[in-house]
Amino acid sequence: MTTVYGLTTCDTCRKARNWLDRFEVAYSFVDYRANPVPAATLKDWARQLGGWEKLVNKSSTTWRNLLPQRKDPASDPEWTLLLKEYPALVRRPVVVQDDGAVSVGFSDNGFKKLFAR
């Protein structure tokens, strides 16, 4: 079953979940503020997506409000610590399919391709 990771209060996550419901795609939802994602999983997501830059939302208010020295993590442990401290930095939603493939974000066309609808 597909797992959608995001925040319950996130509008984009709500849109993604509504889309999945409308097209009757079975999924489970995990609010990663309430259920933090393990560091190893975050690292795997970043690897699959092509790096931490693809996983982190640098246009978010949370990112803009970080101290300048926090905006340049130099290692995987520094990135995972930052995301543990600020889960809202993870792009939303993160979609993990049955085979473990990871994607981020939501668009109608993107989901149509992803779920062959």
C-alpha atoms as a PDB file:
ATOM      1  CA  MET A   1       0.000   0.000   0.000  1.00  0.00           C
ATOM      2  CA  THR A   2       1.146   3.530  -0.753  1.00  0.00           C
ATOM      3  CA  THR A   3       2.126   5.625   2.252  1.00  0.00           C
ATOM      4  CA  VAL A   4       1.738   9.389   2.205  1.00  0.00           C
ATOM      5  CA  TYR A   5       3.863  11.364   4.669  1.00  0.00           C
ATOM      6  CA  GLY A   6       2.997  14.945   5.455  1.00  0.00           C
ATOM      7  CA  LEU A   7       1.357  17.227   7.956  1.00  0.00           C
ATOM      8  CA  THR A   8      -2.330  17.020   8.835  1.00  0.00           C
ATOM      9  CA  THR A   9      -2.607  20.809   8.621  1.00  0.00           C
ATOM     10  CA  CYS A  10      -0.883  21.110   5.214  1.00  0.00           C
ATOM     11  CA  ASP A  11      -3.183  22.238   2.364  1.00  0.00           C
ATOM     12  CA  THR A  12      -1.102  20.434  -0.274  1.00  0.00           C
ATOM     13  CA  CYS A  13      -1.278  17.209   1.735  1.00  0.00           C
ATOM     14  CA  ARG A  14      -5.048  17.631   1.997  1.00  0.00           C
ATOM     15  CA  LYS A  15      -5.297  18.082  -1.785  1.00  0.00           C
ATOM     16  CA  ALA A  16      -3.175  14.979  -2.364  1.00  0.00           C
ATOM     17  CA  ARG A  17      -5.295  12.899   0.025  1.00  0.00           C
ATOM     18  CA  ASN A  18      -8.513  14.146  -1.591  1.00  0.00           C
ATOM     19  CA  TRP A  19      -7.117  13.184  -5.015  1.00  0.00           C
ATOM     20  CA  LEU A  20      -6.225   9.695  -3.776  1.00  0.00           C
ATOM     21  CA  ASP A  21      -9.689   9.290  -2.250  1.00  0.00           C
ATOM     22  CA  ARG A  22     -11.395  10.515  -5.442  1.00  0.00           C
ATOM     23  CA  PHE A  23      -9.449   8.027  -7.599  1.00  0.00           C
ATOM     24  CA  GLU A  24      -9.863   5.255  -4.999  1.00  0.00           C
ATOM     25  CA  VAL A  25      -6.146   4.728  -4.454  1.00  0.00           C
ATOM     26  CA  ALA A  26      -5.488   2.800  -1.236  1.00  0.00           C
ATOM     27  CA  TYR A  27      -3.007   4.585   1.015  1.00  0.00           C
ATOM     28  CA  SER A  28      -2.103   5.244   4.600  1.00  0.00           C
ATOM     29  CA  PHE A  29      -1.239   8.697   5.914  1.00  0.00           C
ATOM     30  CA  VAL A  30       1.516   9.472   8.402  1.00  0.00           C
ATOM     31  CA  ASP A  31       1.769  12.889  10.018  1.00  0.00           C
ATOM     32  CA  TYR A  32       5.515  13.149  10.464  1.00  0.00           C
ATOM     33  CA  ARG A  33       5.257  15.811  13.125  1.00  0.00           C
ATOM     34  CA  ALA A  34       3.321  13.376  15.330  1.00  0.00           C
ATOM     35  CA  ASN A  35       5.297  10.322  14.111  1.00  0.00           C
ATOM     36  CA  PRO A  36       8.862  11.444  13.346  1.00  0.00           C
ATOM     37  CA  VAL A  37      10.553   9.733  10.413  1.00  0.00           C
ATOM     38  CA  PRO A  38      13.746   7.842  11.368  1.00  0.00           C
ATOM     39  CA  ALA A  39      17.035   9.379  10.211  1.00  0.00           C
ATOM     40  CA  ALA A  40      17.860   6.342   8.050  1.00  0.00           C
ATOM     41  CA  THR A  41      14.537   6.736   6.217  1.00  0.00           C
ATOM     42  CA  LEU A  42      15.128  10.455   5.605  1.00  0.00           C
ATOM     43  CA  LYS A  43      18.587   9.633   4.262  1.00  0.00           C
ATOM     44  CA  ASP A  44      17.105   6.996   1.924  1.00  0.00           C
ATOM     45  CA  TRP A  45      14.468   9.450   0.675  1.00  0.00           C
ATOM     46  CA  ALA A  46      17.143  12.077  -0.022  1.00  0.00           C
ATOM     47  CA  ARG A  47      19.254   9.497  -1.867  1.00  0.00           C
ATOM     48  CA  GLN A  48      16.329   8.376  -4.042  1.00  0.00           C
ATOM     49  CA  LEU A  49      15.299  11.937  -4.842  1.00  0.00           C
ATOM     50  CA  GLY A  50      18.810  13.040  -5.806  1.00  0.00           C
ATOM     51  CA  GLY A  51      20.025  14.738  -2.628  1.00  0.00           C
ATOM     52  CA  TRP A  52      18.871  16.667   0.410  1.00  0.00           C
ATOM     53  CA  GLU A  53      18.144  19.732  -1.752  1.00  0.00           C
ATOM     54  CA  LYS A  54      15.283  17.797  -3.411  1.00  0.00           C
ATOM     55  CA  LEU A  55      13.777  16.778  -0.071  1.00  0.00           C
ATOM     56  CA  VAL A  56      13.979  20.134   1.713  1.00  0.00           C
ATOM     57  CA  ASN A  57      11.634  23.019   0.955  1.00  0.00           C
ATOM     58  CA  LYS A  58      13.934  26.030   0.851  1.00  0.00           C
ATOM     59  CA  SER A  59      11.114  28.407  -0.087  1.00  0.00           C
ATOM     60  CA  SER A  60       9.303  27.759   3.201  1.00  0.00           C
ATOM     61  CA  THR A  61       8.933  30.272   5.999  1.00  0.00           C
ATOM     62  CA  THR A  62      10.618  27.763   8.309  1.00  0.00           C
ATOM     63  CA  TRP A  63      13.740  27.742   6.087  1.00  0.00           C
ATOM     64  CA  ARG A  64      13.815  31.525   5.738  1.00  0.00           C
ATOM     65  CA  ASN A  65      13.641  31.891   9.539  1.00  0.00           C
ATOM     66  CA  LEU A  66      16.581  29.565  10.206  1.00  0.00           C
ATOM     67  CA  LEU A  67      19.820  31.079  11.415  1.00  0.00           C
ATOM     68  CA  PRO A  68      22.279  31.404   8.485  1.00  0.00           C
ATOM     69  CA  GLN A  69      24.686  28.840   9.991  1.00  0.00           C
ATOM     70  CA  ARG A  70      21.871  26.232  10.055  1.00  0.00           C
ATOM     71  CA  LYS A  71      21.224  26.608   6.311  1.00  0.00           C
ATOM     72  CA  ASP A  72      24.410  24.841   5.242  1.00  0.00           C
ATOM     73  CA  PRO A  73      24.421  21.297   6.681  1.00  0.00           C
ATOM     74  CA  ALA A  74      27.602  19.567   5.566  1.00  0.00           C
ATOM     75  CA  SER A  75      26.738  15.933   6.321  1.00  0.00           C
ATOM     76  CA  ASP A  76      23.867  13.463   6.454  1.00  0.00           C
ATOM     77  CA  PRO A  77      23.763  13.568  10.289  1.00  0.00           C
ATOM     78  CA  GLU A  78      23.499  17.386  10.190  1.00  0.00           C
ATOM     79  CA  TRP A  79      20.639  17.205   7.661  1.00  0.00           C
ATOM     80  CA  THR A  80      18.757  14.559   9.642  1.00  0.00           C
ATOM     81  CA  LEU A  81      19.197  16.544  12.873  1.00  0.00           C
ATOM     82  CA  LEU A  82      17.840  19.670  11.144  1.00  0.00           C
ATOM     83  CA  LEU A  83      14.807  17.765   9.816  1.00  0.00           C
ATOM     84  CA  LYS A  84      14.188  16.148  13.193  1.00  0.00           C
ATOM     85  CA  GLU A  85      14.164  19.589  14.768  1.00  0.00           C
ATOM     86  CA  TYR A  86      12.120  21.188  11.950  1.00  0.00           C
ATOM     87  CA  PRO A  87       9.908  18.524  10.302  1.00  0.00           C
ATOM     88  CA  ALA A  88       8.051  21.233   8.350  1.00  0.00           C
ATOM     89  CA  LEU A  89      11.190  21.618   6.185  1.00  0.00           C
ATOM     90  CA  VAL A  90      10.438  18.347   4.378  1.00  0.00           C
ATOM     91  CA  ARG A  91       8.657  18.944   1.054  1.00  0.00           C
ATOM     92  CA  ARG A  92       5.090  17.735   1.192  1.00  0.00           C
ATOM     93  CA  PRO A  93       3.691  15.285   0.653  1.00  0.00           C
ATOM     94  CA  VAL A  94       6.273  12.512   0.468  1.00  0.00           C
ATOM     95  CA  VAL A  95       4.740   9.523  -1.319  1.00  0.00           C
ATOM     96  CA  VAL A  96       6.306   6.084  -0.802  1.00  0.00           C
ATOM     97  CA  GLN A  97       4.927   3.404  -3.092  1.00  0.00           C
ATOM     98  CA  ASP A  98       4.725  -0.360  -2.475  1.00  0.00           C
ATOM     99  CA  ASP A  99       8.083  -0.927  -4.174  1.00  0.00           C
ATOM    100  CA  GLY A 100       9.761   1.731  -2.005  1.00  0.00           C
ATOM    101  CA  ALA A 101       9.942   4.375  -4.760  1.00  0.00           C
ATOM    102  CA  VAL A 102       9.764   7.896  -3.342  1.00  0.00           C
ATOM    103  CA  SER A 103       8.312  11.089  -4.807  1.00  0.00           C
ATOM    104  CA  VAL A 104       7.584  14.502  -3.320  1.00  0.00           C
ATOM    105  CA  GLY A 105       4.965  17.135  -3.965  1.00  0.00           C
ATOM    106  CA  PHE A 106       1.512  17.050  -5.448  1.00  0.00           C
ATOM    107  CA  SER A 107       0.023  18.004  -8.786  1.00  0.00           C
ATOM    108  CA  ASP A 108      -2.976  16.518 -10.546  1.00  0.00           C
ATOM    109  CA  ASN A 109      -0.905  15.518 -13.604  1.00  0.00           C
ATOM    110  CA  GLY A 110       1.944  14.237 -11.468  1.00  0.00           C
ATOM    111  CA  PHE A 111      -0.368  11.969  -9.499  1.00  0.00           C
ATOM    112  CA  LYS A 112      -2.109  10.784 -12.697  1.00  0.00           C
ATOM    113  CA  LYS A 113       1.289   9.634 -14.000  1.00  0.00           C
ATOM    114  CA  LEU A 114       2.387   8.227 -10.650  1.00  0.00           C
ATOM    115  CA  PHE A 115      -0.784   6.200 -10.163  1.00  0.00           C
ATOM    116  CA  ALA A 116      -1.525   5.475 -13.861  1.00  0.00           C
ATOM    117  CA  ARG A 117      -4.939   7.171 -13.838  1.00  0.00           C
END
